[in-house]
Protein backbone atom coordinates (compact mmCIF):
# COMPACT_ATOMS: atom_id res chain seq x y z
CA MET A 1 -68.01 -105.71 27.32
CA LEU A 2 -70.39 -102.82 26.66
CA ALA A 3 -68.78 -102.20 23.23
CA GLN A 4 -69.10 -105.90 22.33
CA ILE A 5 -72.79 -106.06 23.24
CA LEU A 6 -73.29 -103.20 20.74
CA SER A 7 -71.05 -104.41 18.07
CA GLY A 8 -72.52 -107.92 18.10
CA ALA A 9 -75.46 -106.86 16.16
CA GLY A 10 -73.30 -105.29 13.50
CA LEU A 11 -71.06 -108.38 13.42
CA THR A 12 -73.83 -110.70 12.47
CA ALA A 13 -75.88 -108.53 10.02
CA GLY A 14 -73.86 -109.42 6.98
CA VAL A 15 -73.66 -113.06 7.95
CA THR A 16 -77.44 -113.40 8.12
CA VAL A 17 -78.43 -111.71 4.88
CA GLY A 18 -75.16 -111.35 2.90
CA ALA A 19 -75.67 -114.61 0.93
CA LEU A 20 -79.38 -113.77 0.25
CA LEU A 21 -78.47 -110.25 -0.88
CA ALA A 22 -75.99 -111.67 -3.27
CA ASP A 23 -78.38 -114.26 -4.58
CA HIS A 24 -80.89 -111.49 -5.25
CA MET A 25 -78.50 -109.02 -6.94
CA LEU A 26 -76.24 -111.44 -8.85
CA GLY A 27 -79.10 -114.00 -9.64
CA SER A 28 -77.08 -117.12 -9.09
CA THR A 29 -76.65 -119.39 -6.00
CA GLU A 30 -73.00 -120.29 -7.14
CA PHE A 31 -72.08 -116.55 -6.23
CA ALA A 32 -74.06 -116.55 -2.81
CA GLY A 33 -70.88 -116.92 -1.13
CA VAL A 34 -69.29 -113.92 -2.63
CA PRO A 35 -70.47 -111.34 -0.01
CA SER A 36 -69.14 -113.46 2.86
CA ALA A 37 -65.86 -113.91 0.97
CA LEU A 38 -65.60 -110.06 0.45
CA PHE A 39 -66.16 -108.94 4.05
CA THR A 40 -63.93 -111.72 5.37
CA ALA A 41 -61.25 -110.55 2.84
CA GLY A 42 -61.79 -107.05 4.16
CA ALA A 43 -61.43 -108.52 7.64
CA ALA A 44 -58.13 -109.85 6.63
CA LEU A 45 -56.94 -106.35 5.48
CA GLY A 46 -58.42 -104.78 8.56
CA ALA A 47 -56.86 -107.32 10.95
CA VAL A 48 -53.26 -106.53 9.90
CA SER A 49 -53.86 -102.85 9.74
CA ILE A 50 -55.58 -102.72 13.15
CA GLY A 51 -53.08 -104.94 14.67
CA ARG A 52 -50.12 -102.58 13.50
CA TRP A 53 -52.15 -99.60 14.73
CA CYS A 54 -52.79 -101.17 18.11
CA ALA A 55 -49.03 -101.99 18.40
CA ALA A 56 -48.10 -98.35 17.59
CA ARG A 57 -50.93 -96.45 19.42
CA GLY A 58 -52.81 -98.87 21.76
CA ARG A 59 -56.04 -100.93 21.71
CA ARG A 60 -58.32 -97.88 22.17
CA PRO A 61 -57.38 -96.04 18.95
CA GLY A 62 -57.00 -99.21 16.93
CA LEU A 63 -60.41 -100.55 17.90
CA THR A 64 -62.18 -97.03 17.55
CA LEU A 65 -60.81 -96.81 13.93
CA GLY A 66 -61.84 -100.38 13.07
CA TYR A 67 -65.45 -99.86 14.16
CA ALA A 68 -65.87 -96.51 12.57
CA THR A 69 -64.66 -98.03 9.29
CA GLY A 70 -67.12 -100.87 9.64
CA ALA A 71 -69.96 -98.34 10.02
CA LEU A 72 -68.77 -96.60 6.82
CA GLY A 73 -68.79 -99.95 4.91
CA SER A 74 -72.32 -100.80 6.23
CA ILE A 75 -73.69 -97.59 4.77
CA GLY A 76 -71.93 -98.29 1.55
CA VAL A 77 -73.75 -101.75 1.29
CA VAL A 78 -77.09 -100.04 1.91
CA ALA A 79 -76.35 -97.58 -0.83
CA ALA A 80 -75.35 -100.44 -3.27
CA ALA A 81 -78.54 -102.35 -2.54
CA SER A 82 -80.62 -99.27 -3.08
CA THR A 83 -79.18 -98.47 -6.37
CA GLY A 84 -78.72 -102.06 -7.49
CA SER A 85 -74.93 -101.37 -8.00
CA VAL A 86 -72.88 -104.52 -7.87
CA ALA A 87 -69.81 -102.31 -8.53
CA LEU A 88 -70.44 -100.39 -5.27
CA LEU A 89 -71.43 -103.51 -3.31
CA PHE A 90 -68.17 -105.28 -3.63
CA PRO A 91 -65.87 -102.59 -2.18
CA ALA A 92 -68.43 -101.74 0.37
CA LEU A 93 -68.45 -105.30 1.69
CA LEU A 94 -64.63 -105.16 1.85
CA VAL A 95 -64.91 -101.96 4.00
CA TYR A 96 -67.68 -103.63 6.19
CA GLY A 97 -65.27 -106.45 6.84
CA VAL A 98 -62.88 -104.21 8.78
CA GLY A 99 -65.77 -103.86 11.25
CA THR A 100 -66.21 -107.63 11.68
CA ALA A 101 -62.54 -107.99 12.19
CA THR A 102 -62.48 -105.51 14.91
CA GLY A 103 -65.33 -107.15 16.72
CA LEU A 104 -63.35 -110.47 16.75
CA MET A 105 -59.96 -108.80 17.63
CA ALA A 106 -61.44 -107.15 20.78
CA ARG A 107 -61.11 -110.41 22.47
CA TYR A 108 -57.30 -109.89 22.70
CA ALA A 109 -57.99 -106.72 24.84
CA GLY A 110 -59.51 -109.12 27.46
CA ALA A 111 -56.45 -111.04 27.53
CA ASP A 112 -53.87 -108.18 27.72
CA LEU A 113 -53.95 -107.78 31.59
CA ALA A 114 -54.93 -111.29 32.49
CA SER A 115 -52.63 -113.75 34.28
CA PRO A 116 -51.90 -116.93 32.38
CA ALA A 117 -53.95 -118.88 34.90
CA ARG A 118 -57.01 -116.84 33.97
CA ARG A 119 -56.30 -116.02 30.30
CA GLY A 120 -58.98 -118.36 28.83
CA ARG A 121 -61.64 -116.95 31.17
CA ALA A 122 -60.64 -113.41 30.27
CA VAL A 123 -60.96 -114.09 26.57
CA SER A 124 -64.25 -115.86 27.15
CA THR A 125 -65.77 -112.83 29.05
CA VAL A 126 -65.23 -110.49 26.11
CA LEU A 127 -66.76 -113.13 23.77
CA PHE A 128 -69.62 -113.79 26.07
CA ALA A 129 -70.54 -109.94 26.03
CA THR A 130 -70.94 -110.29 22.29
CA THR A 131 -73.74 -112.77 22.68
CA LEU A 132 -76.65 -110.30 23.27
CA GLY A 133 -76.09 -108.25 20.17
CA ALA A 134 -74.99 -111.24 18.12
CA VAL A 135 -78.10 -113.14 18.92
CA ALA A 136 -80.34 -110.11 18.58
CA GLY A 137 -79.01 -109.10 15.13
CA PRO A 138 -80.36 -112.10 13.17
CA MET A 139 -83.61 -111.93 15.00
CA LEU A 140 -84.11 -108.30 13.97
CA VAL A 141 -83.70 -109.11 10.28
CA THR A 142 -87.45 -108.97 9.64
CA PRO A 143 -88.35 -105.85 11.67
CA VAL A 144 -85.42 -103.70 10.29
CA GLY A 145 -86.17 -105.04 6.81
CA GLU A 146 -89.77 -103.57 7.21
CA VAL A 147 -88.33 -100.30 8.47
CA ALA A 148 -85.85 -100.08 5.58
CA ALA A 149 -88.76 -100.72 3.11
CA THR A 150 -90.73 -97.77 4.52
CA TRP A 151 -87.60 -95.68 3.83
CA GLY A 152 -87.34 -96.96 0.26
CA VAL A 153 -84.43 -99.31 1.03
CA PRO A 154 -84.47 -102.98 0.07
CA ARG A 155 -85.48 -105.19 2.91
CA LEU A 156 -82.40 -107.30 2.69
CA ALA A 157 -80.25 -104.27 3.14
CA GLY A 158 -81.99 -103.38 6.44
CA PRO A 159 -79.69 -105.31 8.68
CA PHE A 160 -76.87 -103.24 7.26
CA LEU A 161 -78.58 -100.13 8.57
CA LEU A 162 -78.52 -101.92 12.00
CA ALA A 163 -74.81 -102.58 11.48
CA ALA A 164 -73.95 -98.93 10.61
CA ALA A 165 -75.68 -97.74 13.82
CA ALA A 166 -74.15 -100.57 15.98
CA PHE A 167 -70.54 -99.97 14.75
CA GLY A 168 -70.89 -96.27 14.97
CA VAL A 169 -72.08 -96.25 18.49
CA THR A 170 -69.46 -98.79 19.46
CA ALA A 171 -66.60 -96.66 18.12
CA VAL A 172 -67.78 -93.88 20.29
CA VAL A 173 -68.17 -96.12 23.38
CA VAL A 174 -64.49 -97.44 22.88
CA ALA A 175 -62.97 -94.02 22.27
CA CYS A 176 -64.59 -92.56 25.39
CA LEU A 177 -64.45 -95.34 27.94
CA LEU A 178 -61.65 -97.80 27.27
CA ARG A 179 -59.34 -96.28 29.68
CA PRO A 180 -56.73 -97.07 30.66
CA ASP A 181 -55.60 -98.65 27.45
CA PRO A 182 -55.10 -102.35 28.37
CA LEU A 183 -52.34 -103.08 25.78
CA LEU A 184 -50.27 -99.97 26.79
CA LEU A 185 -50.76 -100.76 30.48
CA ALA A 186 -49.58 -104.36 29.98
CA GLN A 187 -46.45 -103.16 28.28
CA ALA A 188 -45.80 -100.62 30.92
CA LEU A 189 -46.26 -103.30 33.73
CA SER A 190 -44.02 -105.69 31.80
CA ALA A 191 -41.24 -103.08 31.46
CA ARG A 192 -41.46 -102.19 35.18
CA ALA A 193 -41.20 -105.93 36.16
CA ALA A 194 -38.39 -106.34 33.72
CA CYS A 195 -36.50 -103.38 35.36
CA ALA A 196 -37.13 -104.82 38.87
CA GLN A 197 -35.81 -108.27 37.94
CA GLY A 198 -32.92 -106.97 35.70
CA GLY A 199 -34.30 -108.70 32.73
CA ASP A 200 -37.43 -109.64 30.79
CA ALA A 201 -40.39 -110.05 33.06
CA VAL A 202 -41.71 -113.15 31.40
CA THR A 203 -38.57 -115.00 30.40
CA GLY A 204 -35.68 -113.65 32.36
CA ASP A 205 -33.99 -112.42 29.21
CA ARG A 206 -31.72 -109.42 29.93
CA THR A 207 -33.05 -107.76 26.76
CA PRO A 208 -36.61 -106.64 27.50
CA GLY A 209 -39.24 -107.12 24.88
CA ARG A 210 -37.39 -110.05 23.16
CA VAL A 211 -39.57 -113.03 22.39
CA ARG A 212 -38.20 -115.97 24.42
CA ALA A 213 -39.78 -119.01 25.99
CA ALA A 214 -40.34 -119.21 29.75
CA PRO A 215 -38.62 -122.28 31.36
CA SER A 216 -42.08 -123.17 32.88
CA GLY A 217 -44.93 -121.24 31.64
CA PRO A 218 -48.76 -121.22 31.21
CA ALA A 219 -50.92 -123.94 30.05
CA GLY A 220 -50.05 -125.32 26.56
CA THR A 221 -46.38 -124.40 26.86
CA ASN A 222 -43.71 -126.46 25.14
CA GLY A 223 -42.78 -129.90 26.58
CA SER A 224 -39.66 -130.24 24.51
CA ARG A 225 -36.59 -129.06 26.17
CA THR A 226 -34.44 -129.61 22.99
CA ARG A 227 -36.06 -126.86 21.06
CA SER A 228 -34.62 -123.25 21.11
CA PRO A 229 -36.91 -120.97 23.21
CA GLU A 230 -37.90 -118.80 20.22
CA THR A 231 -38.59 -121.82 18.05
CA ALA A 232 -40.78 -123.21 20.82
CA ARG A 233 -42.78 -120.04 21.01
CA GLY A 234 -43.20 -119.71 17.28
CA HIS A 235 -44.40 -123.40 17.33
CA GLU A 236 -46.95 -122.50 19.93
CA VAL A 237 -48.14 -119.54 17.87
CA ALA A 238 -48.43 -121.84 14.82
CA VAL A 239 -50.43 -124.41 16.74
CA GLY A 240 -53.00 -121.84 18.06
CA ALA A 241 -53.36 -120.10 14.70
CA SER A 242 -53.85 -123.39 12.98
CA VAL A 243 -56.74 -124.42 15.23
CA MET A 244 -58.51 -121.02 14.72
CA VAL A 245 -57.93 -120.97 10.89
CA LEU A 246 -59.41 -124.57 10.52
CA THR A 247 -62.42 -124.01 12.73
CA GLN A 248 -63.10 -120.58 10.99
CA LEU A 249 -62.82 -122.25 7.54
CA VAL A 250 -65.44 -124.99 8.27
CA MET A 251 -67.84 -122.83 10.36
CA ILE A 252 -67.99 -120.03 7.72
CA ALA A 253 -68.47 -122.46 4.83
CA VAL A 254 -71.35 -124.28 6.50
CA MET A 255 -72.93 -121.29 7.99
CA THR A 256 -72.86 -119.17 4.91
CA MET A 257 -74.88 -121.55 2.75
CA THR A 258 -77.37 -122.72 5.43
CA PRO A 259 -79.87 -119.72 4.92
CA VAL A 260 -79.67 -120.32 1.13
CA HIS A 261 -80.28 -124.09 1.73
CA MET A 262 -83.19 -123.43 4.00
CA LEU A 263 -84.95 -120.86 1.57
CA THR A 264 -84.41 -123.25 -1.37
CA HIS A 265 -86.45 -125.92 0.62
CA GLY A 266 -89.44 -123.85 1.62
CA HIS A 267 -88.27 -122.18 4.93
CA THR A 268 -88.93 -118.53 5.44
CA VAL A 269 -86.31 -115.64 5.94
CA GLN A 270 -87.42 -115.54 9.62
CA ALA A 271 -86.91 -119.18 10.17
CA ALA A 272 -83.36 -118.77 8.61
CA GLY A 273 -82.79 -115.91 10.97
CA LEU A 274 -83.80 -118.06 13.88
CA VAL A 275 -81.40 -120.82 13.01
CA ILE A 276 -78.51 -118.21 12.54
CA SER A 277 -79.46 -116.57 15.91
CA LEU A 278 -79.16 -119.99 17.61
CA HIS A 279 -75.89 -120.64 15.79
CA VAL A 280 -74.43 -117.25 16.88
CA GLY A 281 -75.70 -117.91 20.41
CA ALA A 282 -73.71 -121.03 20.42
CA MET A 283 -70.71 -119.13 19.13
CA PHE A 284 -70.70 -116.91 22.09
CA LEU A 285 -72.97 -117.91 24.89
CA PRO A 286 -70.96 -121.00 26.17
CA SER A 287 -67.78 -118.80 26.41
CA PRO A 288 -67.61 -118.65 30.28
CA LEU A 289 -67.67 -122.44 30.44
CA THR A 290 -65.29 -122.84 27.55
CA GLY A 291 -62.77 -120.37 29.23
CA LEU A 292 -62.95 -122.39 32.44
CA LEU A 293 -62.34 -125.57 30.58
CA VAL A 294 -59.40 -123.87 28.81
CA ASP A 295 -57.75 -123.01 32.07
CA ARG A 296 -58.60 -125.95 34.12
CA ILE A 297 -58.17 -129.04 31.70
CA GLY A 298 -55.87 -127.48 29.13
CA ARG A 299 -55.85 -125.55 25.90
CA ARG A 300 -55.17 -128.62 23.78
CA TRP A 301 -57.86 -130.75 25.13
CA VAL A 302 -60.43 -128.13 24.29
CA ALA A 303 -58.95 -127.42 20.82
CA GLY A 304 -59.18 -131.20 20.11
CA ALA A 305 -62.84 -131.28 21.21
CA SER A 306 -63.57 -128.44 18.71
CA GLY A 307 -62.68 -130.81 15.79
CA ALA A 308 -65.06 -133.47 17.09
CA LEU A 309 -67.90 -130.99 17.62
CA LEU A 310 -67.55 -129.67 13.94
CA LEU A 311 -67.53 -133.19 12.63
CA ALA A 312 -70.75 -133.90 14.51
CA ALA A 313 -72.21 -130.66 13.14
CA GLY A 314 -71.31 -131.41 9.52
CA THR A 315 -72.73 -134.98 9.79
CA LEU A 316 -76.00 -133.91 11.16
CA SER A 317 -76.31 -131.00 8.68
CA ALA A 318 -75.77 -133.37 5.82
CA THR A 319 -78.12 -136.22 6.95
CA ALA A 320 -80.92 -134.08 8.46
CA PRO A 321 -84.15 -133.63 6.42
CA ALA A 322 -84.03 -130.36 4.64
CA ASP A 323 -87.45 -129.48 5.86
CA SER A 324 -86.56 -130.16 9.47
CA LEU A 325 -85.98 -126.86 11.47
CA PRO A 326 -85.08 -128.59 14.70
CA ALA A 327 -82.41 -130.67 13.08
CA LEU A 328 -80.84 -127.85 11.19
CA SER A 329 -80.96 -125.73 14.35
CA THR A 330 -79.20 -128.42 16.38
CA ALA A 331 -76.59 -128.87 13.71
CA LEU A 332 -75.91 -125.12 13.65
CA VAL A 333 -75.63 -125.08 17.41
CA LEU A 334 -72.98 -127.73 17.34
CA LEU A 335 -71.23 -125.71 14.53
CA GLY A 336 -71.13 -122.60 16.71
CA LEU A 337 -70.03 -124.47 19.84
CA GLY A 338 -67.04 -126.21 17.92
CA TRP A 339 -65.98 -122.79 16.65
CA ASN A 340 -66.26 -121.35 20.20
CA PHE A 341 -64.09 -124.16 21.51
CA GLY A 342 -61.40 -123.60 18.80
CA LEU A 343 -61.30 -119.72 18.97
CA ILE A 344 -60.86 -119.57 22.84
CA SER A 345 -58.41 -122.43 23.10
CA GLY A 346 -56.46 -121.08 20.04
CA THR A 347 -56.40 -117.51 21.38
CA ALA A 348 -55.04 -118.51 24.74
CA ILE A 349 -52.35 -120.59 23.06
CA VAL A 350 -51.20 -117.74 20.94
CA THR A 351 -51.33 -115.17 23.72
CA ASP A 352 -49.45 -117.42 26.14
CA ALA A 353 -46.50 -117.44 23.69
CA LEU A 354 -46.30 -113.63 23.08
CA HIS A 355 -44.47 -110.91 24.98
CA PRO A 356 -46.72 -107.78 25.26
CA ASP A 357 -44.38 -105.76 23.04
CA ARG A 358 -45.01 -108.18 20.21
CA ARG A 359 -48.43 -109.09 20.89
CA ALA A 360 -50.72 -106.72 18.82
CA THR A 361 -48.75 -107.08 15.61
CA THR A 362 -48.61 -110.93 15.69
CA GLU A 363 -52.23 -111.16 16.77
CA GLY A 364 -53.21 -109.09 13.82
CA LEU A 365 -51.35 -111.47 11.49
CA VAL A 366 -53.03 -114.52 13.07
CA ASP A 367 -56.36 -112.97 12.47
CA VAL A 368 -55.43 -112.32 8.90
CA GLY A 369 -55.04 -116.02 8.54
CA ILE A 370 -58.50 -116.44 10.02
CA ALA A 371 -60.10 -113.95 7.74
CA ILE A 372 -58.54 -115.59 4.68
CA ALA A 373 -59.84 -118.91 5.83
CA GLY A 374 -63.18 -117.45 6.15
CA ALA A 375 -63.02 -115.90 2.81
CA ALA A 376 -61.83 -119.24 1.13
CA GLY A 377 -64.76 -121.11 2.99
CA SER A 378 -67.28 -118.66 1.71
CA LEU A 379 -66.10 -118.85 -2.00
CA VAL A 380 -65.84 -122.59 -1.94
CA SER A 381 -69.15 -123.11 -0.06
CA GLY A 382 -71.26 -121.50 -2.94
CA LEU A 383 -69.38 -123.52 -5.63
CA VAL A 384 -69.79 -126.80 -3.69
CA VAL A 385 -73.44 -126.31 -3.12
CA GLY A 386 -74.13 -125.18 -6.64
CA ARG A 387 -72.62 -128.27 -8.05
CA SER A 388 -72.87 -131.03 -5.37
CA GLY A 389 -75.37 -129.80 -2.92
CA TYR A 390 -75.45 -128.68 0.72
CA PRO A 391 -74.92 -132.19 2.25
CA VAL A 392 -71.58 -132.66 0.52
CA LEU A 393 -70.47 -129.28 1.74
CA ALA A 394 -71.46 -129.97 5.36
CA LEU A 395 -69.95 -133.54 5.47
CA ALA A 396 -66.62 -132.36 3.94
CA GLY A 397 -66.45 -129.51 6.37
CA GLY A 398 -66.75 -131.94 9.30
CA VAL A 399 -64.05 -134.09 7.91
CA VAL A 400 -61.65 -131.28 7.40
CA ALA A 401 -62.24 -130.13 11.03
CA LEU A 402 -60.80 -133.34 12.25
CA ALA A 403 -57.27 -132.11 11.11
CA VAL A 404 -57.41 -130.11 14.39
CA ILE A 405 -56.68 -133.33 16.42
CA PRO A 406 -53.34 -134.19 14.91
CA ILE A 407 -52.27 -130.53 15.08
CA VAL A 408 -52.71 -130.39 18.72
CA THR A 409 -51.39 -133.82 19.60
CA GLY A 410 -48.38 -133.77 17.30
CA ARG A 411 -46.40 -131.65 19.71
CA ALA A 412 -46.72 -134.36 22.48
CA ARG A 413 -45.29 -137.05 20.24
CA LYS A 414 -42.36 -134.79 19.06
CA GLY A 415 -41.41 -133.37 22.46
CA GLY A 416 -42.50 -136.16 24.90
CA ALA A 417 -44.66 -133.81 26.74
CA THR A 418 -48.16 -134.61 28.00
CA ALA A 419 -49.59 -131.91 25.83
CA LEU A 420 -53.12 -133.42 26.09
CA GLY A 421 -52.70 -134.07 29.65
CA LYS A 422 -53.98 -131.81 32.41
CA GLU A 423 -52.24 -128.49 32.00
CA ARG A 424 -51.97 -126.20 34.93
CA SER A 425 -51.10 -122.59 34.50
CA ARG A 426 -48.87 -120.74 36.92
CA SER A 427 -49.47 -117.11 37.13
CA PRO A 428 -46.63 -114.86 38.02
CA ARG A 429 -46.27 -113.69 41.74
């Protein structure tokens, strides 16, 4: 939690001013989504690398390496902005993206030692801790920009100075204090339970570590008894990943272009920072309630609600007067809340289906998909706004988000299970 409070500021620095920095350096709104696309592409590369590193060495060395890399990338962005070098800016944003991926992947550390009945709340605890830094980051855009200017650094590069410090300190905190390593301990406990039971602790399989489906498992488990266990588990991973990918795609696309849209219609950089702060607060602040809902009423109900919230956000963004700060703020709050519902429910679905021995690698691959979706949303957002306008982008995003609902209800129709019913998790004795 301490690490996430610190890293939250670094996580949102590029989100707040990345598009504005590109607009300034590249001189075209159509390319304003490029920075977000680059650091989300860097997040994709970082997610798979960090996932494999965590699988081999544990959460502590993996997260430490990721945060340190993000700090290095932040310094590179500052250097690029100071020299006006687009050639340096692009690779620096890629490296910075590794830090953003690490901040998001830290949520899995909260789930490593949680019982299935409390997994949603465990994930939400880590995300909630991100709130303080994530909300403070955009609000510090103007002050750190002024400090940067006194040092001869462009004002828009100021938040990346903050990101460098935040990621650097976070790496030290994780390296020194994340003990015992949650993933390694979860694997040890699983192996010990498997030995005691004569088989796999989760599934009863006589081959420890093999990914198999439990006959009666946590919330969101398969209802079809005709599927093979491994097919059922793979399906659950695909459902959870799809929810997170779609909500990330829509959220990034709309959020990236909102500051550009606001500045075009007379709002100040400080006003844009306020809206993004409210949005980021909605992304993380409701996490304890979301986690409780995920554990109590079911993963799939909450996932379905994320699609409805994102549609409401897109509709309000598209129809709100461009000069209305309250309307845009409300729309971005709904956008953040929809993302929060999708991320926590999707994470719980994925983690439920994975044995500790396979968890980190698969989670890394899932986050690659999330990062790629973010990169695609960033690239498309600039093109759509440049040619058709911000309202078209926002409304289209809301419509795309509705695809979450058939994804989470399709299993119930195929397997005959009450997938959107009240799902009770049973934690192991």
